[in-house]
Protein backbone atom coordinates (compact mmCIF):
# COMPACT_ATOMS: atom_id res chain seq x y z
CA UNK A 1 -17.66 -23.64 4.91
CA UNK A 2 -19.16 -27.26 4.52
CA UNK A 3 -17.95 -28.78 1.22
CA UNK A 4 -18.52 -32.11 -0.25
CA UNK A 5 -15.58 -33.61 -2.38
CA UNK A 6 -15.70 -36.46 -4.65
CA UNK A 7 -11.97 -37.46 -4.25
CA UNK A 8 -9.79 -37.69 -7.28
CA UNK A 9 -9.12 -41.21 -8.48
CA UNK A 10 -5.39 -40.83 -8.25
CA UNK A 11 -4.48 -41.31 -4.63
CA UNK A 12 -1.42 -39.68 -3.18
CA UNK A 13 0.64 -42.19 -0.80
CA UNK A 14 2.05 -40.79 2.60
CA UNK A 15 5.25 -41.19 3.47
CA UNK A 16 7.22 -44.48 3.13
CA UNK A 17 7.33 -46.91 6.00
CA UNK A 18 9.33 -46.12 9.10
CA UNK A 19 10.25 -47.92 12.16
CA UNK A 20 7.32 -47.37 14.73
CA UNK A 21 8.34 -46.55 18.54
CA UNK A 22 7.10 -49.22 20.74
CA UNK A 23 4.01 -48.88 22.68
CA UNK A 24 3.65 -48.60 26.50
CA UNK A 25 0.53 -50.75 27.74
CA UNK A 26 -1.60 -49.79 30.77
CA UNK A 27 -5.05 -50.57 32.15
CA UNK A 28 -7.57 -47.70 33.52
CA UNK A 29 -10.18 -48.97 36.08
CA UNK A 30 -13.49 -46.83 36.25
CA UNK A 31 -14.89 -47.76 39.66
CA UNK A 32 -18.87 -48.22 39.92
CA UNK A 33 -19.36 -47.32 36.57
CA UNK A 34 -22.94 -46.77 35.75
CA UNK A 35 -24.13 -47.67 32.41
CA UNK A 36 -26.74 -45.92 30.43
CA UNK A 37 -29.30 -48.87 31.09
CA UNK A 38 -28.92 -48.24 34.91
CA UNK A 39 -26.46 -51.47 35.25
CA UNK A 40 -23.20 -51.16 37.23
CA UNK A 41 -19.92 -52.73 37.54
CA UNK A 42 -17.80 -52.41 40.59
CA UNK A 43 -14.84 -52.08 38.16
CA UNK A 44 -14.63 -51.36 34.49
CA UNK A 45 -11.26 -52.01 33.24
CA UNK A 46 -10.29 -50.17 29.76
CA UNK A 47 -7.05 -51.55 28.51
CA UNK A 48 -5.09 -48.92 26.36
CA UNK A 49 -1.51 -48.62 24.55
CA UNK A 50 0.27 -45.08 24.39
CA UNK A 51 3.16 -44.13 22.05
CA UNK A 52 5.08 -40.91 22.69
CA UNK A 53 4.94 -38.31 25.49
CA UNK A 54 2.30 -35.55 26.08
CA UNK A 55 3.25 -32.14 25.83
CA UNK A 56 1.56 -29.11 27.62
CA UNK A 57 1.29 -25.66 26.49
CA UNK A 58 2.11 -22.70 29.04
CA UNK A 59 -1.18 -23.10 30.56
CA UNK A 60 -0.63 -26.45 31.25
CA UNK A 61 -3.16 -27.88 28.49
CA UNK A 62 -2.10 -30.96 26.65
CA UNK A 63 -1.78 -30.13 22.86
CA UNK A 64 -0.58 -33.20 20.99
CA UNK A 65 -2.78 -36.08 22.14
CA UNK A 66 -4.42 -38.26 19.43
CA UNK A 67 -7.05 -40.75 20.24
CA UNK A 68 -7.47 -43.57 17.63
CA UNK A 69 -10.55 -45.74 18.05
CA UNK A 70 -10.92 -49.14 16.38
CA UNK A 71 -13.83 -50.86 14.72
CA UNK A 72 -16.24 -53.62 15.93
CA UNK A 73 -14.41 -56.57 17.01
CA UNK A 74 -10.98 -54.95 16.85
CA UNK A 75 -8.50 -53.82 19.13
CA UNK A 76 -6.06 -50.84 19.80
CA UNK A 77 -3.14 -53.17 18.99
CA UNK A 78 -4.55 -53.53 15.30
CA UNK A 79 -3.37 -49.90 14.56
CA UNK A 80 0.08 -50.92 15.27
CA UNK A 81 0.18 -52.85 11.91
CA UNK A 82 2.57 -51.97 9.07
CA UNK A 83 -0.02 -50.83 6.86
CA UNK A 84 -1.64 -48.24 9.59
CA UNK A 85 1.04 -47.12 12.38
CA UNK A 86 3.56 -48.12 9.59
CA UNK A 87 2.34 -45.43 7.60
CA UNK A 88 1.62 -42.81 10.39
CA UNK A 89 3.33 -43.12 13.45
CA UNK A 90 7.11 -43.19 12.43
CA UNK A 91 9.63 -40.59 12.34
CA UNK A 92 8.51 -38.03 9.84
CA UNK A 93 5.12 -39.25 9.18
CA UNK A 94 1.81 -37.49 9.72
CA UNK A 95 1.42 -38.79 13.29
CA UNK A 96 5.07 -39.12 14.24
CA UNK A 97 5.15 -40.35 17.70
CA UNK A 98 8.19 -37.99 18.64
CA UNK A 99 5.76 -34.91 17.93
CA UNK A 100 2.30 -36.62 19.26
CA UNK A 101 1.10 -38.63 22.15
CA UNK A 102 -0.94 -41.42 20.48
CA UNK A 103 -3.47 -43.32 22.60
CA UNK A 104 -4.89 -46.71 21.40
CA UNK A 105 -7.67 -48.03 23.87
CA UNK A 106 -9.46 -51.24 23.58
CA UNK A 107 -13.12 -50.43 23.67
CA UNK A 108 -15.55 -51.85 26.40
CA UNK A 109 -16.29 -55.51 25.37
CA UNK A 110 -13.06 -55.64 23.30
CA UNK A 111 -9.43 -57.00 23.65
CA UNK A 112 -8.05 -56.69 27.15
CA UNK A 113 -10.86 -54.51 28.27
CA UNK A 114 -13.87 -55.82 30.34
CA UNK A 115 -16.09 -57.87 28.40
CA UNK A 116 -18.63 -60.68 28.76
CA UNK A 117 -16.21 -63.48 28.18
CA UNK A 118 -14.41 -62.57 31.17
CA UNK A 119 -17.08 -64.60 33.12
CA UNK A 120 -19.95 -62.51 33.25
CA UNK A 121 -21.53 -63.89 29.91
CA UNK A 122 -24.96 -62.35 29.27
CA UNK A 123 -24.94 -60.89 32.66
CA UNK A 124 -22.35 -58.43 31.43
CA UNK A 125 -24.06 -54.88 31.25
CA UNK A 126 -25.49 -54.09 28.00
CA UNK A 127 -23.25 -51.32 27.03
CA UNK A 128 -23.75 -48.71 24.31
CA UNK A 129 -21.56 -46.45 22.01
CA UNK A 130 -22.25 -43.43 24.50
CA UNK A 131 -21.00 -45.84 27.51
CA UNK A 132 -17.84 -46.59 25.43
CA UNK A 133 -17.22 -42.93 24.83
CA UNK A 134 -18.00 -41.93 28.39
CA UNK A 135 -15.24 -44.54 29.60
CA UNK A 136 -12.67 -43.39 27.01
CA UNK A 137 -13.08 -39.71 28.39
CA UNK A 138 -12.52 -41.07 31.94
CA UNK A 139 -9.44 -43.06 30.99
CA UNK A 140 -8.06 -40.12 29.41
CA UNK A 141 -8.84 -37.58 32.01
CA UNK A 142 -8.52 -39.37 35.28
CA UNK A 143 -6.28 -42.11 34.12
CA UNK A 144 -3.57 -40.69 31.61
CA UNK A 145 -4.35 -36.94 32.70
CA UNK A 146 -5.11 -35.92 29.26
CA UNK A 147 -7.28 -32.66 29.57
CA UNK A 148 -7.16 -32.16 25.65
CA UNK A 149 -7.23 -33.98 22.34
CA UNK A 150 -5.53 -32.48 19.11
CA UNK A 151 -7.42 -34.97 17.19
CA UNK A 152 -9.88 -38.08 17.53
CA UNK A 153 -9.64 -40.63 14.95
CA UNK A 154 -11.67 -43.63 14.40
CA UNK A 155 -12.49 -46.63 12.18
CA UNK A 156 -15.95 -48.11 11.68
CA UNK A 157 -17.39 -48.30 15.11
CA UNK A 158 -14.78 -45.98 16.25
CA UNK A 159 -15.68 -43.45 13.35
CA UNK A 160 -19.19 -43.51 14.88
CA UNK A 161 -17.48 -42.89 18.19
CA UNK A 162 -15.88 -39.76 16.80
CA UNK A 163 -19.37 -38.32 16.14
CA UNK A 164 -20.42 -39.16 19.53
CA UNK A 165 -17.29 -37.51 20.95
CA UNK A 166 -18.09 -34.26 19.04
CA UNK A 167 -21.55 -34.02 20.44
CA UNK A 168 -20.78 -35.07 24.11
CA UNK A 169 -17.46 -33.33 24.64
CA UNK A 170 -17.64 -30.54 22.06
CA UNK A 171 -14.69 -28.52 23.40
CA UNK A 172 -12.28 -31.57 24.03
CA UNK A 173 -10.62 -32.00 20.61
CA UNK A 174 -9.35 -29.77 17.89
CA UNK A 175 -10.39 -32.01 15.30
CA UNK A 176 -12.29 -35.19 14.54
CA UNK A 177 -11.68 -37.62 11.69
CA UNK A 178 -14.30 -40.42 11.26
CA UNK A 179 -13.37 -43.26 8.68
CA UNK A 180 -16.29 -45.23 7.20
CA UNK A 181 -19.44 -44.09 9.12
CA UNK A 182 -22.51 -42.09 8.98
CA UNK A 183 -24.11 -39.90 11.81
CA UNK A 184 -27.56 -41.34 11.44
CA UNK A 185 -29.41 -44.11 13.27
CA UNK A 186 -28.39 -47.48 12.05
CA UNK A 187 -31.35 -48.62 9.60
CA UNK A 188 -31.87 -50.47 6.46
CA UNK A 189 -29.59 -53.02 5.13
CA UNK A 190 -26.74 -52.06 7.61
CA UNK A 191 -29.31 -52.63 10.40
CA UNK A 192 -30.57 -55.87 9.12
CA UNK A 193 -26.79 -57.29 8.58
CA UNK A 194 -26.29 -56.43 12.14
CA UNK A 195 -29.69 -58.25 13.40
CA UNK A 196 -28.57 -61.21 10.92
CA UNK A 197 -25.29 -61.51 13.07
CA UNK A 198 -27.15 -61.20 16.20
CA UNK A 199 -29.86 -63.84 15.50
CA UNK A 200 -27.55 -66.06 14.06
CA UNK A 201 -25.89 -66.45 17.51
CA UNK A 202 -29.07 -66.50 19.72
CA UNK A 203 -31.04 -68.59 17.63
CA UNK A 204 -28.39 -71.46 17.97
CA UNK A 205 -29.53 -73.89 20.66
CA UNK A 206 -26.16 -74.56 21.59
CA UNK A 207 -25.90 -70.73 22.69
CA UNK A 208 -28.08 -71.39 25.62
CA UNK A 209 -28.75 -67.72 26.70
CA UNK A 210 -25.01 -67.21 26.85
CA UNK A 211 -24.53 -69.87 29.31
CA UNK A 212 -22.85 -72.27 26.70
CA UNK A 213 -20.41 -75.14 27.57
CA UNK A 214 -19.08 -75.43 24.01
CA UNK A 215 -19.26 -72.45 21.38
CA UNK A 216 -22.44 -72.15 19.16
CA UNK A 217 -20.38 -73.01 16.46
CA UNK A 218 -23.27 -72.84 13.76
CA UNK A 219 -24.48 -69.47 15.12
CA UNK A 220 -21.00 -68.15 14.90
CA UNK A 221 -20.47 -69.43 11.30
CA UNK A 222 -23.65 -67.69 10.24
CA UNK A 223 -22.50 -64.49 12.09
CA UNK A 224 -19.00 -64.64 10.57
CA UNK A 225 -20.44 -65.17 7.09
CA UNK A 226 -22.60 -62.02 7.30
CA UNK A 227 -19.76 -60.21 8.87
CA UNK A 228 -17.25 -61.11 5.84
CA UNK A 229 -20.02 -59.86 3.28
CA UNK A 230 -20.58 -56.81 5.11
CA UNK A 231 -17.02 -55.79 5.04
CA UNK A 232 -15.87 -57.25 1.50
CA UNK A 233 -14.47 -55.87 -1.27
CA UNK A 234 -15.47 -57.63 -4.77
CA UNK A 235 -12.27 -56.57 -6.51
CA UNK A 236 -9.69 -57.64 -3.73
CA UNK A 237 -11.54 -60.95 -3.09
CA UNK A 238 -11.35 -61.88 -6.52
CA UNK A 239 -7.67 -60.80 -6.57
CA UNK A 240 -7.04 -63.03 -3.38
CA UNK A 241 -9.15 -66.10 -4.62
CA UNK A 242 -9.09 -65.85 -8.45
CA UNK A 243 -10.29 -69.67 -9.02
CA UNK A 244 -13.00 -71.55 -7.80
CA UNK A 245 -10.72 -73.96 -5.81
CA UNK A 246 -8.65 -71.16 -4.34
CA UNK A 247 -12.11 -69.36 -3.14
CA UNK A 248 -13.10 -72.67 -1.59
CA UNK A 249 -9.94 -72.98 0.07
CA UNK A 250 -9.63 -69.24 1.31
CA UNK A 251 -13.28 -69.22 2.90
CA UNK A 252 -12.49 -72.57 4.62
CA UNK A 253 -9.47 -71.13 6.25
CA UNK A 254 -11.25 -67.87 6.97
CA UNK A 255 -14.13 -69.58 8.85
CA UNK A 256 -11.72 -72.11 10.69
CA UNK A 257 -9.63 -69.02 12.09
CA UNK A 258 -12.44 -66.53 12.80
CA UNK A 259 -14.34 -69.24 14.77
CA UNK A 260 -11.44 -70.06 16.74
CA UNK A 261 -10.80 -66.37 17.64
CA UNK A 262 -14.06 -65.36 18.34
CA UNK A 263 -16.54 -65.50 21.51
CA UNK A 264 -20.19 -65.64 20.68
CA UNK A 265 -21.10 -63.50 23.88
CA UNK A 266 -18.68 -60.92 23.05
CA UNK A 267 -19.73 -60.78 19.36
CA UNK A 268 -23.26 -60.49 20.42
CA UNK A 269 -22.64 -57.63 22.64
CA UNK A 270 -20.41 -55.61 20.10
CA UNK A 271 -23.17 -55.71 17.56
CA UNK A 272 -25.84 -54.79 19.96
CA UNK A 273 -24.13 -51.77 21.11
CA UNK A 274 -25.09 -49.93 18.14
CA UNK A 275 -28.79 -50.27 18.95
CA UNK A 276 -29.24 -46.63 19.82
CA UNK A 277 -26.53 -44.81 17.90
CA UNK A 278 -27.80 -41.68 16.38
CA UNK A 279 -25.99 -38.24 16.26
CA UNK A 280 -28.32 -36.85 13.56
CA UNK A 281 -30.48 -34.83 15.91
CA UNK A 282 -27.60 -33.04 17.54
CA UNK A 283 -24.94 -32.33 14.77
CA UNK A 284 -25.21 -28.44 15.36
CA UNK A 285 -23.34 -29.26 18.86
CA UNK A 286 -20.18 -30.32 16.94
CA UNK A 287 -17.87 -27.26 16.91
CA UNK A 288 -14.72 -29.10 16.39
CA UNK A 289 -13.22 -29.60 12.75
CA UNK A 290 -14.29 -32.38 11.30
CA UNK A 291 -13.16 -34.47 8.25
CA UNK A 292 -15.35 -37.41 7.19
CA UNK A 293 -13.68 -40.10 5.06
CA UNK A 294 -15.93 -43.04 3.04
CA UNK A 295 -14.96 -44.99 0.24
CA UNK A 296 -17.32 -45.73 -2.71
CA UNK A 297 -17.22 -49.43 -2.35
CA UNK A 298 -18.28 -49.56 1.24
CA UNK A 299 -21.33 -51.88 1.76
CA UNK A 300 -21.76 -50.76 5.27
CA UNK A 301 -22.13 -46.94 4.24
CA UNK A 302 -23.03 -47.01 0.52
CA UNK A 303 -22.82 -43.73 -1.14
CA UNK A 304 -25.92 -43.78 -3.06
CA UNK A 305 -27.93 -43.28 0.04
CA UNK A 306 -27.07 -39.69 -0.13
CA UNK A 307 -27.03 -39.62 3.70
CA UNK A 308 -23.52 -37.67 4.23
CA UNK A 309 -24.53 -34.90 1.51
CA UNK A 310 -27.78 -34.28 3.48
CA UNK A 311 -26.50 -33.98 6.82
CA UNK A 312 -23.09 -32.70 6.65
CA UNK A 313 -24.17 -29.32 6.00
CA UNK A 314 -25.38 -29.30 9.44
CA UNK A 315 -22.03 -29.77 10.61
CA UNK A 316 -20.34 -26.21 11.17
CA UNK A 317 -16.57 -27.01 10.36
CA UNK A 318 -17.33 -30.41 8.47
CA UNK A 319 -15.94 -31.44 5.47
CA UNK A 320 -16.74 -34.89 3.42
CA UNK A 321 -14.46 -36.85 1.06
CA UNK A 322 -15.83 -39.91 -0.71
CA UNK A 323 -12.84 -42.02 -2.31
CA UNK A 324 -13.74 -43.68 -5.53
CA UNK A 325 -13.52 -47.47 -6.05
CA UNK A 326 -10.02 -48.22 -7.28
CA UNK A 327 -7.25 -51.33 -6.86
CA UNK A 328 -6.37 -49.50 -3.83
CA UNK A 329 -9.71 -49.51 -1.92
CA UNK A 330 -10.74 -52.37 0.39
CA UNK A 331 -14.39 -51.73 0.71
CA UNK A 332 -15.35 -51.02 4.38
CA UNK A 333 -11.63 -51.84 5.08
CA UNK A 334 -10.21 -48.70 3.23
CA UNK A 335 -10.81 -47.25 6.70
CA UNK A 336 -7.46 -48.68 7.74
CA UNK A 337 -5.42 -47.67 4.82
CA UNK A 338 -3.72 -44.45 5.23
CA UNK A 339 -2.03 -45.05 2.19
CA UNK A 340 -5.33 -44.36 0.44
CA UNK A 341 -6.49 -41.52 2.52
CA UNK A 342 -3.41 -39.95 4.07
CA UNK A 343 -3.17 -36.96 1.97
CA UNK A 344 -6.45 -35.70 3.37
CA UNK A 345 -5.09 -36.18 7.03
CA UNK A 346 -2.18 -34.26 5.94
CA UNK A 347 -4.26 -31.27 4.59
CA UNK A 348 -6.63 -31.65 7.82
CA UNK A 349 -3.87 -31.34 10.24
CA UNK A 350 -2.76 -28.08 8.82
CA UNK A 351 -6.40 -26.46 9.27
CA UNK A 352 -6.47 -27.30 13.01
CA UNK A 353 -6.09 -24.34 15.42
CA UNK A 354 -4.28 -23.98 17.88
CA UNK A 355 -1.21 -25.02 16.15
CA UNK A 356 0.41 -28.24 18.01
CA UNK A 357 3.25 -27.27 20.23
CA UNK A 358 6.51 -28.76 19.54
């Protein structure tokens, strides 16, 4: 049954923080990988982290694997934080790594995976979300020998990848959990903000068509300004910087640290990758159980557009939860707070079949 739920304002915390097991890191190399544009790379590297051990049923199918996909500009390592992995992966928690095999990849163009800043710069293939999902699948099947997923969970860009996973590989996962997304072409303010980010970089004369010798500082500042507003939460920003001077100092520190840690070509490619994303024509192809969660204070996916209510009835086993704004939500960043949405994940895991083998 297709259900739309406006979540209750009082949110139940998941189990207390528990020690996380240490991840094992590795690299999968897809050889002669052909991108949707027709471009190729002799070697496309996907870096990943795994926690736990895969378990197979009597027929040899892996039943406990969980793929967790990060947002634009992030990495799989971000899920090892106290507020994410510390709430989910510890003993007795919802995705207890003694029961589940958790895979945390870095997407193409991110982290330790192949990306423009490795050397190709603007000659790097112009990848899309479809390319990112295809190589994730290859990493699992050919690299880790994982032939089935219990759950695909993703935040922001990773949430959009969940929708692509559901259409591209409809029988591969029992459940899909996109956090902070919509299964529709990126348009309106969302697209304009992304174009502003990209144009800010490419219109800086220092960018030099990607062949810069020094970072295009002004372009990066403009892009980061847009990104900060795009993912912001007015309530939380005011708590962080409650006076004029505190706000000025906080902003200055943010720009300094973010510019220092951002490569302009990598950022440009990351936002350009969403250009042809649009699961909406093929939502009926999604057969896995799907739980989509958004928050009401998310500027990127504002609920007043009514997109989710319109499209979710086409998802056979879909459910949509909208979390009201509260002192716990963080705008778009609510996607990375299991303390806010963990109770919905707990319910969702009990609905998936077949049951996880122990």
